[in-house]
């Protein structure tokens, strides 16, 4: 797995907003959608690497596309 360490939930939310997602709900987790997909980001500093990789995949992005959005 390529390096993807140190991504906080705030940075992830900003990156997904650039990809066309918007926040639907905020509590212990942040739920975002683009109208077709729904992703849930845990509030963690940093978000676990494997969890973040799964969220990126669920969003329909590749790891390199996500890194460019950061």
PDB file of N, CA and C in Angstrom:
ATOM      1  N   UNK A   1       0.845  -1.189   0.000  1.00  0.00           N
ATOM      2  CA  UNK A   1       0.000   0.000   0.000  1.00  0.00           C
ATOM      3  C   UNK A   1       0.882   1.241   0.000  1.00  0.00           C
ATOM      4  N   UNK A   2       0.620   2.198  -0.894  1.00  0.00           N
ATOM      5  CA  UNK A   2       1.394   3.438  -0.929  1.00  0.00           C
ATOM      6  C   UNK A   2       1.187   4.249   0.341  1.00  0.00           C
ATOM      7  N   UNK A   3       2.111   5.125   0.605  1.00  0.00           N
ATOM      8  CA  UNK A   3       2.056   5.937   1.819  1.00  0.00           C
ATOM      9  C   UNK A   3       0.851   6.866   1.812  1.00  0.00           C
ATOM     10  N   UNK A   4       0.145   6.859   2.915  1.00  0.00           N
ATOM     11  CA  UNK A   4      -0.994   7.756   3.107  1.00  0.00           C
ATOM     12  C   UNK A   4      -1.150   7.969   4.603  1.00  0.00           C
ATOM     13  N   UNK A   5      -0.117   8.481   5.226  1.00  0.00           N
ATOM     14  CA  UNK A   5      -0.165   8.635   6.672  1.00  0.00           C
ATOM     15  C   UNK A   5      -0.364  10.091   7.050  1.00  0.00           C
ATOM     16  N   UNK A   6      -0.890  10.298   8.241  1.00  0.00           N
ATOM     17  CA  UNK A   6      -1.038  11.640   8.771  1.00  0.00           C
ATOM     18  C   UNK A   6      -2.190  12.442   8.207  1.00  0.00           C
ATOM     19  N   UNK A   7      -3.223  11.780   7.681  1.00  0.00           N
ATOM     20  CA  UNK A   7      -4.380  12.507   7.142  1.00  0.00           C
ATOM     21  C   UNK A   7      -5.410  12.660   8.251  1.00  0.00           C
ATOM     22  N   UNK A   8      -5.667  13.902   8.651  1.00  0.00           N
ATOM     23  CA  UNK A   8      -6.680  14.151   9.665  1.00  0.00           C
ATOM     24  C   UNK A   8      -8.056  14.224   8.995  1.00  0.00           C
ATOM     25  N   UNK A   9      -9.095  14.148   9.808  1.00  0.00           N
ATOM     26  CA  UNK A   9     -10.436  14.194   9.228  1.00  0.00           C
ATOM     27  C   UNK A   9     -10.722  15.551   8.586  1.00  0.00           C
ATOM     28  N   UNK A  10     -10.143  16.634   9.105  1.00  0.00           N
ATOM     29  CA  UNK A  10     -10.362  17.944   8.499  1.00  0.00           C
ATOM     30  C   UNK A  10      -9.781  18.018   7.092  1.00  0.00           C
ATOM     31  N   UNK A  11      -8.562  17.501   6.929  1.00  0.00           N
ATOM     32  CA  UNK A  11      -7.927  17.500   5.599  1.00  0.00           C
ATOM     33  C   UNK A  11      -8.690  16.616   4.632  1.00  0.00           C
ATOM     34  N   UNK A  12      -9.182  15.489   5.139  1.00  0.00           N
ATOM     35  CA  UNK A  12      -9.937  14.567   4.283  1.00  0.00           C
ATOM     36  C   UNK A  12     -11.235  15.217   3.816  1.00  0.00           C
ATOM     37  N   UNK A  13     -11.930  15.903   4.721  1.00  0.00           N
ATOM     38  CA  UNK A  13     -13.187  16.567   4.361  1.00  0.00           C
ATOM     39  C   UNK A  13     -12.939  17.622   3.285  1.00  0.00           C
ATOM     40  N   UNK A  14     -11.898  18.418   3.439  1.00  0.00           N
ATOM     41  CA  UNK A  14     -11.582  19.447   2.446  1.00  0.00           C
ATOM     42  C   UNK A  14     -11.253  18.827   1.084  1.00  0.00           C
ATOM     43  N   UNK A  15     -10.527  17.715   1.110  1.00  0.00           N
ATOM     44  CA  UNK A  15     -10.171  17.042  -0.145  1.00  0.00           C
ATOM     45  C   UNK A  15     -11.416  16.494  -0.826  1.00  0.00           C
ATOM     46  N   UNK A  16     -12.309  15.870  -0.063  1.00  0.00           N
ATOM     47  CA  UNK A  16     -13.533  15.329  -0.657  1.00  0.00           C
ATOM     48  C   UNK A  16     -14.456  16.444  -1.142  1.00  0.00           C
ATOM     49  N   UNK A  17     -14.437  17.610  -0.482  1.00  0.00           N
ATOM     50  CA  UNK A  17     -15.231  18.751  -0.970  1.00  0.00           C
ATOM     51  C   UNK A  17     -14.724  19.197  -2.335  1.00  0.00           C
ATOM     52  N   UNK A  18     -13.411  19.177  -2.531  1.00  0.00           N
ATOM     53  CA  UNK A  18     -12.842  19.516  -3.838  1.00  0.00           C
ATOM     54  C   UNK A  18     -13.277  18.519  -4.904  1.00  0.00           C
ATOM     55  N   UNK A  19     -13.558  17.279  -4.483  1.00  0.00           N
ATOM     56  CA  UNK A  19     -13.976  16.225  -5.412  1.00  0.00           C
ATOM     57  C   UNK A  19     -15.472  16.255  -5.678  1.00  0.00           C
ATOM     58  N   UNK A  20     -16.194  17.202  -5.068  1.00  0.00           N
ATOM     59  CA  UNK A  20     -17.617  17.341  -5.339  1.00  0.00           C
ATOM     60  C   UNK A  20     -18.534  16.801  -4.256  1.00  0.00           C
ATOM     61  N   UNK A  21     -17.987  16.383  -3.125  1.00  0.00           N
ATOM     62  CA  UNK A  21     -18.809  15.902  -2.009  1.00  0.00           C
ATOM     63  C   UNK A  21     -19.196  17.066  -1.109  1.00  0.00           C
ATOM     64  N   UNK A  22     -20.298  16.932  -0.409  1.00  0.00           N
ATOM     65  CA  UNK A  22     -20.701  17.921   0.580  1.00  0.00           C
ATOM     66  C   UNK A  22     -21.143  17.199   1.844  1.00  0.00           C
ATOM     67  N   UNK A  23     -21.085  17.926   2.956  1.00  0.00           N
ATOM     68  CA  UNK A  23     -21.400  17.348   4.258  1.00  0.00           C
ATOM     69  C   UNK A  23     -22.902  17.259   4.439  1.00  0.00           C
ATOM     70  N   UNK A  24     -23.353  16.073   4.848  1.00  0.00           N
ATOM     71  CA  UNK A  24     -24.765  15.836   5.087  1.00  0.00           C
ATOM     72  C   UNK A  24     -25.053  15.864   6.581  1.00  0.00           C
ATOM     73  N   UNK A  25     -24.150  15.242   7.369  1.00  0.00           N
ATOM     74  CA  UNK A  25     -24.376  15.133   8.804  1.00  0.00           C
ATOM     75  C   UNK A  25     -23.037  15.105   9.516  1.00  0.00           C
ATOM     76  N   UNK A  26     -23.000  15.704  10.711  1.00  0.00           N
ATOM     77  CA  UNK A  26     -21.794  15.695  11.525  1.00  0.00           C
ATOM     78  C   UNK A  26     -22.149  15.274  12.939  1.00  0.00           C
ATOM     79  N   UNK A  27     -21.437  14.288  13.458  1.00  0.00           N
ATOM     80  CA  UNK A  27     -21.534  13.885  14.859  1.00  0.00           C
ATOM     81  C   UNK A  27     -20.181  13.251  15.189  1.00  0.00           C
ATOM     82  N   UNK A  28     -20.159  12.019  15.691  1.00  0.00           N
ATOM     83  CA  UNK A  28     -18.881  11.351  15.917  1.00  0.00           C
ATOM     84  C   UNK A  28     -18.191  11.035  14.602  1.00  0.00           C
ATOM     85  N   UNK A  29     -18.972  10.924  13.549  1.00  0.00           N
ATOM     86  CA  UNK A  29     -18.468  10.711  12.200  1.00  0.00           C
ATOM     87  C   UNK A  29     -19.039  11.798  11.295  1.00  0.00           C
ATOM     88  N   UNK A  30     -18.358  12.062  10.202  1.00  0.00           N
ATOM     89  CA  UNK A  30     -18.825  13.050   9.232  1.00  0.00           C
ATOM     90  C   UNK A  30     -19.333  12.276   8.017  1.00  0.00           C
ATOM     91  N   UNK A  31     -20.588  12.492   7.662  1.00  0.00           N
ATOM     92  CA  UNK A  31     -21.182  11.818   6.509  1.00  0.00           C
ATOM     93  C   UNK A  31     -21.235  12.804   5.360  1.00  0.00           C
ATOM     94  N   UNK A  32     -20.708  12.367   4.212  1.00  0.00           N
ATOM     95  CA  UNK A  32     -20.671  13.211   3.024  1.00  0.00           C
ATOM     96  C   UNK A  32     -21.271  12.460   1.847  1.00  0.00           C
ATOM     97  N   UNK A  33     -21.766  13.202   0.860  1.00  0.00           N
ATOM     98  CA  UNK A  33     -22.330  12.600  -0.342  1.00  0.00           C
ATOM     99  C   UNK A  33     -22.006  13.460  -1.552  1.00  0.00           C
ATOM    100  N   UNK A  34     -22.057  12.830  -2.713  1.00  0.00           N
ATOM    101  CA  UNK A  34     -21.937  13.563  -3.971  1.00  0.00           C
ATOM    102  C   UNK A  34     -23.216  13.414  -4.781  1.00  0.00           C
ATOM    103  N   UNK A  35     -24.248  12.889  -4.156  1.00  0.00           N
ATOM    104  CA  UNK A  35     -25.518  12.654  -4.823  1.00  0.00           C
ATOM    105  C   UNK A  35     -25.694  11.208  -5.225  1.00  0.00           C
ATOM    106  N   UNK A  36     -24.587  10.512  -5.489  1.00  0.00           N
ATOM    107  CA  UNK A  36     -24.651   9.110  -5.888  1.00  0.00           C
ATOM    108  C   UNK A  36     -24.021   8.201  -4.841  1.00  0.00           C
ATOM    109  N   UNK A  37     -22.960   8.675  -4.209  1.00  0.00           N
ATOM    110  CA  UNK A  37     -22.242   7.881  -3.211  1.00  0.00           C
ATOM    111  C   UNK A  37     -22.328   8.552  -1.848  1.00  0.00           C
ATOM    112  N   UNK A  38     -22.268   7.738  -0.799  1.00  0.00           N
ATOM    113  CA  UNK A  38     -22.236   8.237   0.574  1.00  0.00           C
ATOM    114  C   UNK A  38     -20.977   7.695   1.227  1.00  0.00           C
ATOM    115  N   UNK A  39     -20.206   8.587   1.854  1.00  0.00           N
ATOM    116  CA  UNK A  39     -19.011   8.164   2.582  1.00  0.00           C
ATOM    117  C   UNK A  39     -19.097   8.660   4.017  1.00  0.00           C
ATOM    118  N   UNK A  40     -18.468   7.941   4.915  1.00  0.00           N
ATOM    119  CA  UNK A  40     -18.456   8.304   6.323  1.00  0.00           C
ATOM    120  C   UNK A  40     -17.013   8.377   6.789  1.00  0.00           C
ATOM    121  N   UNK A  41     -16.643   9.524   7.357  1.00  0.00           N
ATOM    122  CA  UNK A  41     -15.279   9.759   7.810  1.00  0.00           C
ATOM    123  C   UNK A  41     -15.285   9.873   9.333  1.00  0.00           C
ATOM    124  N   UNK A  42     -14.505   9.038  10.029  1.00  0.00           N
ATOM    125  CA  UNK A  42     -14.447   9.153  11.492  1.00  0.00           C
ATOM    126  C   UNK A  42     -13.659  10.394  11.900  1.00  0.00           C
ATOM    127  N   UNK A  43     -14.044  10.979  13.010  1.00  0.00           N
ATOM    128  CA  UNK A  43     -13.283  12.116  13.537  1.00  0.00           C
ATOM    129  C   UNK A  43     -12.083  11.551  14.287  1.00  0.00           C
ATOM    130  N   UNK A  44     -10.945  11.559  13.638  1.00  0.00           N
ATOM    131  CA  UNK A  44      -9.721  11.030  14.236  1.00  0.00           C
ATOM    132  C   UNK A  44      -8.532  11.828  13.724  1.00  0.00           C
ATOM    133  N   UNK A  45      -7.536  11.931  14.567  1.00  0.00           N
ATOM    134  CA  UNK A  45      -6.305  12.633  14.184  1.00  0.00           C
ATOM    135  C   UNK A  45      -5.149  11.707  14.434  1.00  0.00           C
ATOM    136  N   UNK A  46      -4.582  11.076  13.472  1.00  0.00           N
ATOM    137  CA  UNK A  46      -5.016  10.947  12.086  1.00  0.00           C
ATOM    138  C   UNK A  46      -5.977   9.777  11.913  1.00  0.00           C
ATOM    139  N   UNK A  47      -6.631   9.745  10.765  1.00  0.00           N
ATOM    140  CA  UNK A  47      -7.507   8.630  10.406  1.00  0.00           C
ATOM    141  C   UNK A  47      -6.605   7.450  10.043  1.00  0.00           C
ATOM    142  N   UNK A  48      -6.954   6.251  10.508  1.00  0.00           N
ATOM    143  CA  UNK A  48      -6.178   5.047  10.233  1.00  0.00           C
ATOM    144  C   UNK A  48      -5.983   4.886   8.721  1.00  0.00           C
ATOM    145  N   UNK A  49      -4.792   4.446   8.321  1.00  0.00           N
ATOM    146  CA  UNK A  49      -4.433   4.332   6.896  1.00  0.00           C
ATOM    147  C   UNK A  49      -5.381   3.402   6.151  1.00  0.00           C
ATOM    148  N   UNK A  50      -5.681   2.243   6.732  1.00  0.00           N
ATOM    149  CA  UNK A  50      -6.547   1.277   6.056  1.00  0.00           C
ATOM    150  C   UNK A  50      -7.984   1.784   5.967  1.00  0.00           C
ATOM    151  N   UNK A  51      -8.444   2.484   7.008  1.00  0.00           N
ATOM    152  CA  UNK A  51      -9.777   3.076   6.985  1.00  0.00           C
ATOM    153  C   UNK A  51      -9.869   4.141   5.899  1.00  0.00           C
ATOM    154  N   UNK A  52      -8.844   4.995   5.827  1.00  0.00           N
ATOM    155  CA  UNK A  52      -8.835   6.066   4.827  1.00  0.00           C
ATOM    156  C   UNK A  52      -8.802   5.487   3.420  1.00  0.00           C
ATOM    157  N   UNK A  53      -8.046   4.422   3.209  1.00  0.00           N
ATOM    158  CA  UNK A  53      -7.979   3.790   1.888  1.00  0.00           C
ATOM    159  C   UNK A  53      -9.345   3.245   1.481  1.00  0.00           C
ATOM    160  N   UNK A  54     -10.078   2.683   2.430  1.00  0.00           N
ATOM    161  CA  UNK A  54     -11.420   2.183   2.144  1.00  0.00           C
ATOM    162  C   UNK A  54     -12.388   3.300   1.809  1.00  0.00           C
ATOM    163  N   UNK A  55     -12.276   4.419   2.509  1.00  0.00           N
ATOM    164  CA  UNK A  55     -13.148   5.572   2.251  1.00  0.00           C
ATOM    165  C   UNK A  55     -12.873   6.131   0.849  1.00  0.00           C
ATOM    166  N   UNK A  56     -11.597   6.207   0.496  1.00  0.00           N
ATOM    167  CA  UNK A  56     -11.220   6.713  -0.836  1.00  0.00           C
ATOM    168  C   UNK A  56     -11.796   5.810  -1.918  1.00  0.00           C
ATOM    169  N   UNK A  57     -11.710   4.506  -1.702  1.00  0.00           N
ATOM    170  CA  UNK A  57     -12.259   3.546  -2.670  1.00  0.00           C
ATOM    171  C   UNK A  57     -13.776   3.686  -2.771  1.00  0.00           C
ATOM    172  N   UNK A  58     -14.457   3.843  -1.617  1.00  0.00           N
ATOM    173  CA  UNK A  58     -15.909   4.014  -1.616  1.00  0.00           C
ATOM    174  C   UNK A  58     -16.325   5.300  -2.334  1.00  0.00           C
ATOM    175  N   UNK A  59     -15.454   6.310  -2.310  1.00  0.00           N
ATOM    176  CA  UNK A  59     -15.751   7.582  -2.968  1.00  0.00           C
ATOM    177  C   UNK A  59     -15.533   7.507  -4.477  1.00  0.00           C
ATOM    178  N   UNK A  60     -14.961   6.410  -4.951  1.00  0.00           N
ATOM    179  CA  UNK A  60     -14.729   6.262  -6.383  1.00  0.00           C
ATOM    180  C   UNK A  60     -13.475   6.948  -6.869  1.00  0.00           C
ATOM    181  N   UNK A  61     -12.547   7.218  -5.952  1.00  0.00           N
ATOM    182  CA  UNK A  61     -11.296   7.876  -6.303  1.00  0.00           C
ATOM    183  C   UNK A  61     -10.148   6.886  -6.197  1.00  0.00           C
ATOM    184  N   UNK A  62      -9.067   7.181  -6.902  1.00  0.00           N
ATOM    185  CA  UNK A  62      -7.841   6.409  -6.715  1.00  0.00           C
ATOM    186  C   UNK A  62      -7.006   7.124  -5.661  1.00  0.00           C
ATOM    187  N   UNK A  63      -6.013   6.421  -5.150  1.00  0.00           N
ATOM    188  CA  UNK A  63      -5.147   7.006  -4.131  1.00  0.00           C
ATOM    189  C   UNK A  63      -4.407   8.227  -4.669  1.00  0.00           C
ATOM    190  N   UNK A  64      -3.953   8.156  -5.905  1.00  0.00           N
ATOM    191  CA  UNK A  64      -3.221   9.300  -6.472  1.00  0.00           C
ATOM    192  C   UNK A  64      -4.143  10.499  -6.689  1.00  0.00           C
ATOM    193  N   UNK A  65      -5.390  10.247  -7.089  1.00  0.00           N
ATOM    194  CA  UNK A  65      -6.351  11.349  -7.242  1.00  0.00           C
ATOM    195  C   UNK A  65      -6.607  12.021  -5.895  1.00  0.00           C
ATOM    196  N   UNK A  66      -6.751  11.214  -4.852  1.00  0.00           N
ATOM    197  CA  UNK A  66      -6.986  11.776  -3.511  1.00  0.00           C
ATOM    198  C   UNK A  66      -5.788  12.584  -3.047  1.00  0.00           C
ATOM    199  N   UNK A  67      -4.583  12.068  -3.279  1.00  0.00           N
ATOM    200  CA  UNK A  67      -3.368  12.800  -2.864  1.00  0.00           C
ATOM    201  C   UNK A  67      -3.284  14.150  -3.573  1.00  0.00           C
ATOM    202  N   UNK A  68      -3.705  14.203  -4.838  1.00  0.00           N
ATOM    203  CA  UNK A  68      -3.692  15.475  -5.564  1.00  0.00           C
ATOM    204  C   UNK A  68      -4.693  16.464  -4.975  1.00  0.00           C
ATOM    205  N   UNK A  69      -5.766  15.971  -4.385  1.00  0.00           N
ATOM    206  CA  UNK A  69      -6.769  16.841  -3.785  1.00  0.00           C
ATOM    207  C   UNK A  69      -6.325  17.381  -2.426  1.00  0.00           C
ATOM    208  N   UNK A  70      -5.398  16.676  -1.776  1.00  0.00           N
ATOM    209  CA  UNK A  70      -4.896  17.146  -0.486  1.00  0.00           C
ATOM    210  C   UNK A  70      -4.067  18.368  -0.721  1.00  0.00           C
TER     211      UNK A  70
END
